Structures are given as C-alpha cells and as structure tokens.
C-alpha cells in the first residue's frame, strides 16, 4: 500500500511542477525581461548602459592614444639621439615636432626649446641647464595628465557599477515581496518578475564593472611605464646639456 501511495503521489508531481512554472509566465528574452521590470529598475539599467558606453569610449580612446604614443616614440628616440649626438639642436626639435602623439617627443621638445631660448652661441650656464630642467618637469606633469585622461572615470565606473546593480537587486526583491503581499500567494508566479528584475540588474552591473576594472589596471600600468620613460629621457637630456657645458 505504501508503494502504491508513493507511485500515485509521484505521478502527480510532473503535472504539479508544470502548473507551478506555468504560473510564472516570465519570458527570459531581452524584451520579456524589460517588460517585467519596474520603472526604478529600468532607470538602473539605463544608467548602467550609459556607464558602459562611456567606459567603452574611454577604453577605445586610450588604446588608440597609447598605441600611437608607443609607435611614434620608438621612431622618435633613435632619430633625436642621432641629431643631438651630432650637435644638430634645430634638427632634433624638428624631429620632435613631427611626432605629435609621442609622449617622449613632447617632453624632450619642451627641454630643447627652453635650452635654445638662451641662444645657441656662447657658454652654457648653470641657469640655462636649470631652466631647461624645470621645463622638462613641467612638460612631464602635463603629459602625465594627458595620459591619465579618462582613467578616473573608468575607476569610478568599475567601483560603483556593482553597487548600482545591487541597488537594482534590492528593488527587485522588494517588488517580489510586494507581489506576494498583493496576490496573497507564495507561488513562483508571484515572485518571478521581481526575481528576474533583481538578477538582471546584478548581472548587468558586473558586466559593466569587470571590463572597466581590468582595463583601468592595464592602462595604469601603461601610464607608469610611460612615466619611467619620460623620467629617463629627461635625465639623459639634462646629462647631455651638462656635457655640452663642459666642452
């Protein structure tokens, strides 16, 4: 009798489950999920979408800028070194002017132009060298700010997007409980809309944040490498000026 009772009970399980999930009537397509969202959750998704577009624009812009800076700097360094070795200061400045996107060219140009402003003839004074050194330092600070442009926004998006998605999650859960109270039932049909709303905003927040954090760390490493290159170039140029003053 026990076995017969169990068989009868389990025979009704598939039908019960089918009825249980049929109550949900929640579509998991993009439009279906959007239609199940409340206005507040939709605002969260729209805000996250704007953040994703902004971060994508910054990523593309920085990637192109850094690639061009690296390429032009590799071409610039040996040319300007050869010109300075031969004492052709004007030629070195012309080479730097042709490398508009090179971080090294921008820094070296500032130092060379300041050095030349004292005149090409006569003895090289300590004041001339110190003035060129200050010009190099100012240019380094300006170029560093250019390199970091947009990275602060990436950091902000990467750190806040998960919490914005979490806010949407809380809103979705609250809607689910509100639907339970309104419909006076605890079936999945009463909470499916709110739960799907909560999961979508959470997933979207992570989808926006993860690439932003990864690219921010990558670009920060690039900026630090460029800073080292600029420091080395400035130091080598100052050493060149000092050697020229002793001739």
Protein backbone atom coordinates (compact mmCIF):
# COMPACT_ATOMS: atom_id res chain seq x y z
CA UNK A 1 0.00 0.00 0.00
CA UNK A 2 2.87 2.34 0.79
CA UNK A 3 4.43 1.75 -2.63
CA UNK A 4 1.10 2.30 -4.33
CA UNK A 5 0.62 5.55 -2.41
CA UNK A 6 4.12 6.78 -3.39
CA UNK A 7 3.52 5.90 -7.02
CA UNK A 8 0.26 7.84 -7.00
CA UNK A 9 1.95 10.82 -5.32
CA UNK A 10 4.89 10.99 -7.74
CA UNK A 11 2.55 10.57 -10.70
CA UNK A 12 1.07 13.96 -9.86
CA UNK A 13 4.48 15.69 -9.45
CA UNK A 14 5.15 16.49 -13.14
CA UNK A 15 1.69 17.96 -13.54
CA UNK A 16 2.11 20.00 -10.37
CA UNK A 17 5.51 21.31 -11.46
CA UNK A 18 4.16 22.18 -14.87
CA UNK A 19 1.31 24.11 -13.30
CA UNK A 20 3.75 25.72 -10.85
CA UNK A 21 6.06 27.09 -13.52
CA UNK A 22 3.19 27.92 -15.85
CA UNK A 23 2.01 30.41 -13.26
CA UNK A 24 5.23 32.37 -13.66
CA UNK A 25 4.65 33.38 -17.29
CA UNK A 26 8.03 35.15 -17.34
CA UNK A 27 9.84 35.47 -20.63
CA UNK A 28 13.63 35.43 -20.41
CA UNK A 29 14.13 37.25 -23.69
CA UNK A 30 15.54 40.78 -23.57
CA UNK A 31 12.14 42.37 -24.25
CA UNK A 32 10.44 39.99 -21.86
CA UNK A 33 12.79 40.86 -19.01
CA UNK A 34 12.47 44.56 -19.82
CA UNK A 35 8.67 44.39 -19.75
CA UNK A 36 8.75 42.69 -16.33
CA UNK A 37 10.89 45.44 -14.81
CA UNK A 38 9.53 48.30 -12.77
CA UNK A 39 10.34 51.90 -13.65
CA UNK A 40 13.05 52.16 -10.99
CA UNK A 41 14.83 49.02 -12.23
CA UNK A 42 14.62 50.33 -15.78
CA UNK A 43 16.29 53.56 -14.64
CA UNK A 44 19.08 51.48 -13.09
CA UNK A 45 19.58 49.52 -16.33
CA UNK A 46 19.58 52.71 -18.44
CA UNK A 47 22.13 54.30 -16.11
CA UNK A 48 24.34 51.20 -16.28
CA UNK A 49 24.03 51.22 -20.07
CA UNK A 50 25.22 54.84 -20.21
CA UNK A 51 28.15 53.92 -17.96
CA UNK A 52 29.06 51.01 -20.24
CA UNK A 53 29.05 53.28 -23.32
CA UNK A 54 31.21 55.82 -21.51
CA UNK A 55 33.73 53.19 -20.37
CA UNK A 56 33.86 51.67 -23.86
CA UNK A 57 34.58 55.10 -25.37
CA UNK A 58 37.38 55.70 -22.86
CA UNK A 59 38.86 52.23 -23.47
CA UNK A 60 38.96 52.73 -27.24
CA UNK A 61 40.34 56.27 -26.94
CA UNK A 62 43.13 55.30 -24.52
CA UNK A 63 44.03 52.18 -26.50
CA UNK A 64 44.46 54.19 -29.71
CA UNK A 65 46.31 57.01 -27.95
CA UNK A 66 48.74 54.71 -26.15
CA UNK A 67 49.37 52.69 -29.30
CA UNK A 68 50.19 55.83 -31.29
CA UNK A 69 52.39 57.17 -28.47
CA UNK A 70 54.35 53.93 -28.29
CA UNK A 71 54.81 53.70 -32.06
CA UNK A 72 55.91 57.31 -32.55
CA UNK A 73 58.22 57.22 -29.53
CA UNK A 74 60.06 54.19 -30.89
CA UNK A 75 60.64 56.06 -34.15
CA UNK A 76 61.50 59.33 -32.40
CA UNK A 77 64.11 58.15 -29.87
CA UNK A 78 66.89 57.00 -32.26
CA UNK A 79 66.39 59.99 -34.60
CA UNK A 80 66.63 62.62 -31.90
CA UNK A 81 69.56 60.81 -30.27
CA UNK A 82 71.46 60.91 -33.57
CA UNK A 83 70.70 64.60 -34.09
CA UNK A 84 71.87 65.53 -30.59
CA UNK A 85 75.00 63.41 -30.93
CA UNK A 86 75.96 65.46 -33.99
CA UNK A 87 75.11 68.71 -32.21
CA UNK A 88 72.16 69.49 -34.50
CA UNK A 89 69.79 71.00 -31.95
CA UNK A 90 67.41 72.53 -34.50
CA UNK A 91 67.13 69.20 -36.32
CA UNK A 92 66.30 67.44 -33.03
CA UNK A 93 63.50 69.94 -32.38
CA UNK A 94 62.13 69.41 -35.90
CA UNK A 95 62.12 65.64 -35.37
CA UNK A 96 60.23 66.11 -32.09
CA UNK A 97 57.68 68.42 -33.72
CA UNK A 98 56.83 65.72 -36.28
CA UNK A 99 55.96 63.25 -33.50
CA UNK A 100 52.85 64.97 -32.18
CA UNK A 101 51.48 61.96 -30.27
CA UNK A 102 54.76 60.80 -28.75
CA UNK A 103 54.97 61.36 -25.00
CA UNK A 104 58.77 61.43 -25.22
CA UNK A 105 58.77 63.96 -28.06
CA UNK A 106 56.54 66.36 -26.13
CA UNK A 107 58.78 66.27 -23.07
CA UNK A 108 62.07 66.49 -25.00
CA UNK A 109 60.75 69.34 -27.16
CA UNK A 110 59.99 71.44 -24.09
CA UNK A 111 63.51 70.95 -22.77
CA UNK A 112 65.20 71.62 -26.10
CA UNK A 113 63.17 74.76 -26.80
CA UNK A 114 63.89 76.16 -23.35
CA UNK A 115 67.58 75.39 -23.81
CA UNK A 116 67.63 77.07 -27.23
CA UNK A 117 65.81 80.17 -25.92
CA UNK A 118 69.06 81.21 -24.20
CA UNK A 119 70.79 81.35 -27.58
CA UNK A 120 72.90 78.82 -29.47
CA UNK A 121 76.18 80.61 -29.07
CA UNK A 122 78.35 81.30 -26.07
CA UNK A 123 78.93 79.36 -22.87
CA UNK A 124 76.22 77.12 -21.45
CA UNK A 125 75.42 78.40 -17.95
CA UNK A 126 74.03 76.58 -14.93
CA UNK A 127 70.99 78.83 -15.11
CA UNK A 128 70.33 77.62 -18.66
CA UNK A 129 70.53 73.99 -17.58
CA UNK A 130 68.30 74.55 -14.54
CA UNK A 131 65.73 76.38 -16.63
CA UNK A 132 65.68 73.50 -19.14
CA UNK A 133 65.31 71.02 -16.29
CA UNK A 134 62.27 72.88 -14.92
CA UNK A 135 60.76 72.98 -18.40
CA UNK A 136 61.19 69.20 -18.63
CA UNK A 137 59.49 68.71 -15.26
CA UNK A 138 56.55 70.92 -16.22
CA UNK A 139 56.14 69.08 -19.51
CA UNK A 140 56.25 65.71 -17.75
CA UNK A 141 53.41 66.77 -15.46
CA UNK A 142 51.32 67.95 -18.42
CA UNK A 143 51.92 64.77 -20.43
CA UNK A 144 51.16 62.61 -17.37
CA UNK A 145 47.79 64.36 -17.03
CA UNK A 146 47.09 63.73 -20.73
CA UNK A 147 47.94 60.05 -20.38
CA UNK A 148 45.62 59.65 -17.39
CA UNK A 149 42.69 61.41 -19.06
CA UNK A 150 39.55 59.31 -18.68
CA UNK A 151 41.10 56.74 -16.34
CA UNK A 152 39.46 58.32 -13.31
CA UNK A 153 36.08 57.72 -14.95
CA UNK A 154 36.98 54.08 -15.58
CA UNK A 155 37.92 53.65 -11.93
CA UNK A 156 34.65 55.25 -10.82
CA UNK A 157 32.59 53.02 -13.12
CA UNK A 158 34.46 49.90 -12.05
CA UNK A 159 33.91 50.61 -8.37
CA UNK A 160 30.31 51.85 -8.46
CA UNK A 161 28.63 49.73 -11.17
CA UNK A 162 28.30 46.60 -8.95
CA UNK A 163 26.66 48.68 -6.20
CA UNK A 164 24.27 50.28 -8.68
CA UNK A 165 23.39 46.76 -9.87
CA UNK A 166 22.97 45.74 -6.23
CA UNK A 167 20.56 48.62 -5.74
CA UNK A 168 18.52 47.22 -8.63
CA UNK A 169 18.68 43.82 -6.93
CA UNK A 170 17.23 45.23 -3.71
CA UNK A 171 14.48 46.95 -5.69
CA UNK A 172 13.65 43.68 -7.47
CA UNK A 173 13.48 41.71 -4.22
CA UNK A 174 11.24 44.36 -2.68
CA UNK A 175 8.95 44.14 -5.72
CA UNK A 176 8.85 40.36 -5.34
CA UNK A 177 7.70 40.64 -1.71
CA UNK A 178 5.19 43.30 -2.69
CA UNK A 179 3.75 40.97 -5.32
CA UNK A 180 3.48 38.19 -2.72
CA UNK A 181 1.58 40.51 -0.42
CA UNK A 182 -0.67 41.76 -3.22
CA UNK A 183 -1.52 38.36 -4.72
CA UNK A 184 -1.56 36.63 -1.31
CA UNK A 185 0.31 33.66 -2.70
CA UNK A 186 3.89 32.42 -2.39
CA UNK A 187 4.00 30.64 -5.75
CA UNK A 188 6.76 31.31 -8.22
CA UNK A 189 4.34 33.26 -10.39
CA UNK A 190 4.09 35.89 -7.68
CA UNK A 191 7.83 36.50 -7.38
CA UNK A 192 9.24 35.58 -10.80
CA UNK A 193 9.04 39.13 -12.15
CA UNK A 194 10.83 40.67 -9.16
CA UNK A 195 13.47 37.94 -9.02
CA UNK A 196 14.26 38.22 -12.73
CA UNK A 197 14.48 42.01 -12.34
CA UNK A 198 16.91 41.60 -9.45
CA UNK A 199 19.15 39.11 -11.27
CA UNK A 200 19.28 41.16 -14.49
CA UNK A 201 20.42 44.34 -12.74
CA UNK A 202 23.05 42.41 -10.75
CA UNK A 203 24.43 40.73 -13.87
CA UNK A 204 24.43 43.97 -15.83
CA UNK A 205 26.27 45.79 -13.05
CA UNK A 206 29.01 43.13 -13.01
CA UNK A 207 29.17 43.13 -16.82
CA UNK A 208 29.86 46.85 -16.80
CA UNK A 209 32.28 46.83 -13.86
CA UNK A 210 34.60 43.92 -14.73
CA UNK A 211 35.94 45.28 -18.08
CA UNK A 212 36.28 48.76 -16.56
CA UNK A 213 38.40 47.49 -13.66
CA UNK A 214 40.57 45.27 -15.87
CA UNK A 215 41.28 48.00 -18.43
CA UNK A 216 41.87 50.60 -15.70
CA UNK A 217 44.59 48.42 -14.17
CA UNK A 218 46.08 47.74 -17.61
CA UNK A 219 46.16 51.41 -18.62
CA UNK A 220 47.51 52.46 -15.22
CA UNK A 221 50.43 50.10 -15.77
CA UNK A 222 50.98 51.66 -19.20
CA UNK A 223 50.99 55.18 -17.74
CA UNK A 224 53.55 54.15 -15.12
CA UNK A 225 55.77 52.70 -17.85
CA UNK A 226 55.46 55.92 -19.87
CA UNK A 227 56.35 57.94 -16.76
CA UNK A 228 59.55 55.94 -16.34
CA UNK A 229 60.44 56.52 -19.99
CA UNK A 230 59.84 60.27 -19.66
CA UNK A 231 61.95 60.43 -16.48
CA UNK A 232 64.80 58.59 -18.18
CA UNK A 233 64.63 60.80 -21.29
CA UNK A 234 64.60 63.97 -19.18
CA UNK A 235 67.56 62.76 -17.15
CA UNK A 236 69.52 61.84 -20.27
CA UNK A 237 68.78 65.23 -21.84
CA UNK A 238 69.96 67.09 -18.73
CA UNK A 239 73.13 64.99 -18.75
CA UNK A 240 73.60 65.97 -22.41
CA UNK A 241 73.29 69.66 -21.51
CA UNK A 242 75.83 69.26 -18.70
CA UNK A 243 78.31 67.52 -21.00
CA UNK A 244 77.86 70.26 -23.58
CA UNK A 245 78.63 72.89 -20.93
CA UNK A 246 81.97 71.25 -20.12
CA UNK A 247 83.19 71.30 -23.72
